[in-house]
């Protein structure tokens, strides 16, 4: 799988950028009275996004950091 590592890293970063765009840059269009009009789910989605992003960045850094522990 080593030859495909850069492809998967780029794919992961693309998905993170698209998610960031969806959560922060695109305006949310909601009709009042619908579940998306409540700001609490959006806040939870953003928190989960940052938790997952931190974990993914840690996993992506393992190949570069692993030699430091040998």
C-alpha atoms as a PDB file:
ATOM      1  CA  UNK A   1       0.000   0.000   0.000  1.00  0.00           C
ATOM      2  CA  UNK A   2       3.035   2.270   0.195  1.00  0.00           C
ATOM      3  CA  UNK A   3       2.712   3.454  -3.433  1.00  0.00           C
ATOM      4  CA  UNK A   4      -0.821   4.651  -2.717  1.00  0.00           C
ATOM      5  CA  UNK A   5      -0.045   6.478   0.529  1.00  0.00           C
ATOM      6  CA  UNK A   6       0.238   9.922  -1.054  1.00  0.00           C
ATOM      7  CA  UNK A   7      -3.044   9.368  -2.904  1.00  0.00           C
ATOM      8  CA  UNK A   8      -4.867   8.531   0.335  1.00  0.00           C
ATOM      9  CA  UNK A   9      -3.262  11.447   2.196  1.00  0.00           C
ATOM     10  CA  UNK A  10      -4.402  13.860  -0.511  1.00  0.00           C
ATOM     11  CA  UNK A  11      -7.867  12.284  -0.581  1.00  0.00           C
ATOM     12  CA  UNK A  12      -8.163  12.660   3.204  1.00  0.00           C
ATOM     13  CA  UNK A  13      -7.109  16.311   3.053  1.00  0.00           C
ATOM     14  CA  UNK A  14      -9.593  16.999   0.247  1.00  0.00           C
ATOM     15  CA  UNK A  15     -12.422  15.557   2.318  1.00  0.00           C
ATOM     16  CA  UNK A  16     -11.365  17.609   5.343  1.00  0.00           C
ATOM     17  CA  UNK A  17     -11.338  20.792   3.257  1.00  0.00           C
ATOM     18  CA  UNK A  18     -14.771  19.993   1.805  1.00  0.00           C
ATOM     19  CA  UNK A  19     -16.151  19.363   5.277  1.00  0.00           C
ATOM     20  CA  UNK A  20     -14.673  22.611   6.584  1.00  0.00           C
ATOM     21  CA  UNK A  21     -16.238  24.430   3.640  1.00  0.00           C
ATOM     22  CA  UNK A  22     -19.645  22.872   4.357  1.00  0.00           C
ATOM     23  CA  UNK A  23     -19.535  23.639   8.087  1.00  0.00           C
ATOM     24  CA  UNK A  24     -18.017  27.129   8.069  1.00  0.00           C
ATOM     25  CA  UNK A  25     -18.109  28.802   4.660  1.00  0.00           C
ATOM     26  CA  UNK A  26     -21.409  27.857   3.044  1.00  0.00           C
ATOM     27  CA  UNK A  27     -24.476  29.537   4.541  1.00  0.00           C
ATOM     28  CA  UNK A  28     -27.030  27.152   6.002  1.00  0.00           C
ATOM     29  CA  UNK A  29     -30.464  27.592   4.421  1.00  0.00           C
ATOM     30  CA  UNK A  30     -33.246  26.551   6.801  1.00  0.00           C
ATOM     31  CA  UNK A  31     -36.944  27.116   7.081  1.00  0.00           C
ATOM     32  CA  UNK A  32     -37.935  28.260  10.587  1.00  0.00           C
ATOM     33  CA  UNK A  33     -39.401  25.417  12.603  1.00  0.00           C
ATOM     34  CA  UNK A  34     -37.291  22.686  10.983  1.00  0.00           C
ATOM     35  CA  UNK A  35     -34.574  20.790  12.876  1.00  0.00           C
ATOM     36  CA  UNK A  36     -31.770  22.568  11.008  1.00  0.00           C
ATOM     37  CA  UNK A  37     -32.957  25.930  12.376  1.00  0.00           C
ATOM     38  CA  UNK A  38     -31.639  24.886  15.808  1.00  0.00           C
ATOM     39  CA  UNK A  39     -27.939  25.935  16.166  1.00  0.00           C
ATOM     40  CA  UNK A  40     -27.052  23.145  18.621  1.00  0.00           C
ATOM     41  CA  UNK A  41     -26.589  20.333  16.029  1.00  0.00           C
ATOM     42  CA  UNK A  42     -24.336  22.586  13.947  1.00  0.00           C
ATOM     43  CA  UNK A  43     -22.226  23.314  17.045  1.00  0.00           C
ATOM     44  CA  UNK A  44     -21.910  19.577  17.754  1.00  0.00           C
ATOM     45  CA  UNK A  45     -20.965  18.882  14.132  1.00  0.00           C
ATOM     46  CA  UNK A  46     -18.215  21.475  14.317  1.00  0.00           C
ATOM     47  CA  UNK A  47     -16.863  20.029  17.576  1.00  0.00           C
ATOM     48  CA  UNK A  48     -16.845  16.508  16.131  1.00  0.00           C
ATOM     49  CA  UNK A  49     -15.151  17.831  12.992  1.00  0.00           C
ATOM     50  CA  UNK A  50     -12.263  19.284  15.019  1.00  0.00           C
ATOM     51  CA  UNK A  51     -11.893  16.122  17.119  1.00  0.00           C
ATOM     52  CA  UNK A  52     -11.754  13.936  14.002  1.00  0.00           C
ATOM     53  CA  UNK A  53      -9.398  16.376  12.256  1.00  0.00           C
ATOM     54  CA  UNK A  54      -6.957  16.272  15.180  1.00  0.00           C
ATOM     55  CA  UNK A  55      -6.992  12.471  15.141  1.00  0.00           C
ATOM     56  CA  UNK A  56      -6.502  12.304  11.379  1.00  0.00           C
ATOM     57  CA  UNK A  57      -3.599  14.749  11.445  1.00  0.00           C
ATOM     58  CA  UNK A  58      -2.028  12.608  14.162  1.00  0.00           C
ATOM     59  CA  UNK A  59      -2.466   9.476  12.064  1.00  0.00           C
ATOM     60  CA  UNK A  60      -1.089  11.188   8.972  1.00  0.00           C
ATOM     61  CA  UNK A  61       1.984  12.282  10.945  1.00  0.00           C
ATOM     62  CA  UNK A  62       2.835   8.781  12.223  1.00  0.00           C
ATOM     63  CA  UNK A  63       5.105   7.815   9.279  1.00  0.00           C
ATOM     64  CA  UNK A  64       7.226  10.921   9.891  1.00  0.00           C
ATOM     65  CA  UNK A  65       7.225  10.693  13.690  1.00  0.00           C
ATOM     66  CA  UNK A  66       7.714   6.915  14.078  1.00  0.00           C
ATOM     67  CA  UNK A  67      11.480   6.961  13.364  1.00  0.00           C
ATOM     68  CA  UNK A  68      11.953   9.281  16.352  1.00  0.00           C
ATOM     69  CA  UNK A  69      10.871   6.469  18.694  1.00  0.00           C
ATOM     70  CA  UNK A  70      13.279   3.801  17.440  1.00  0.00           C
END
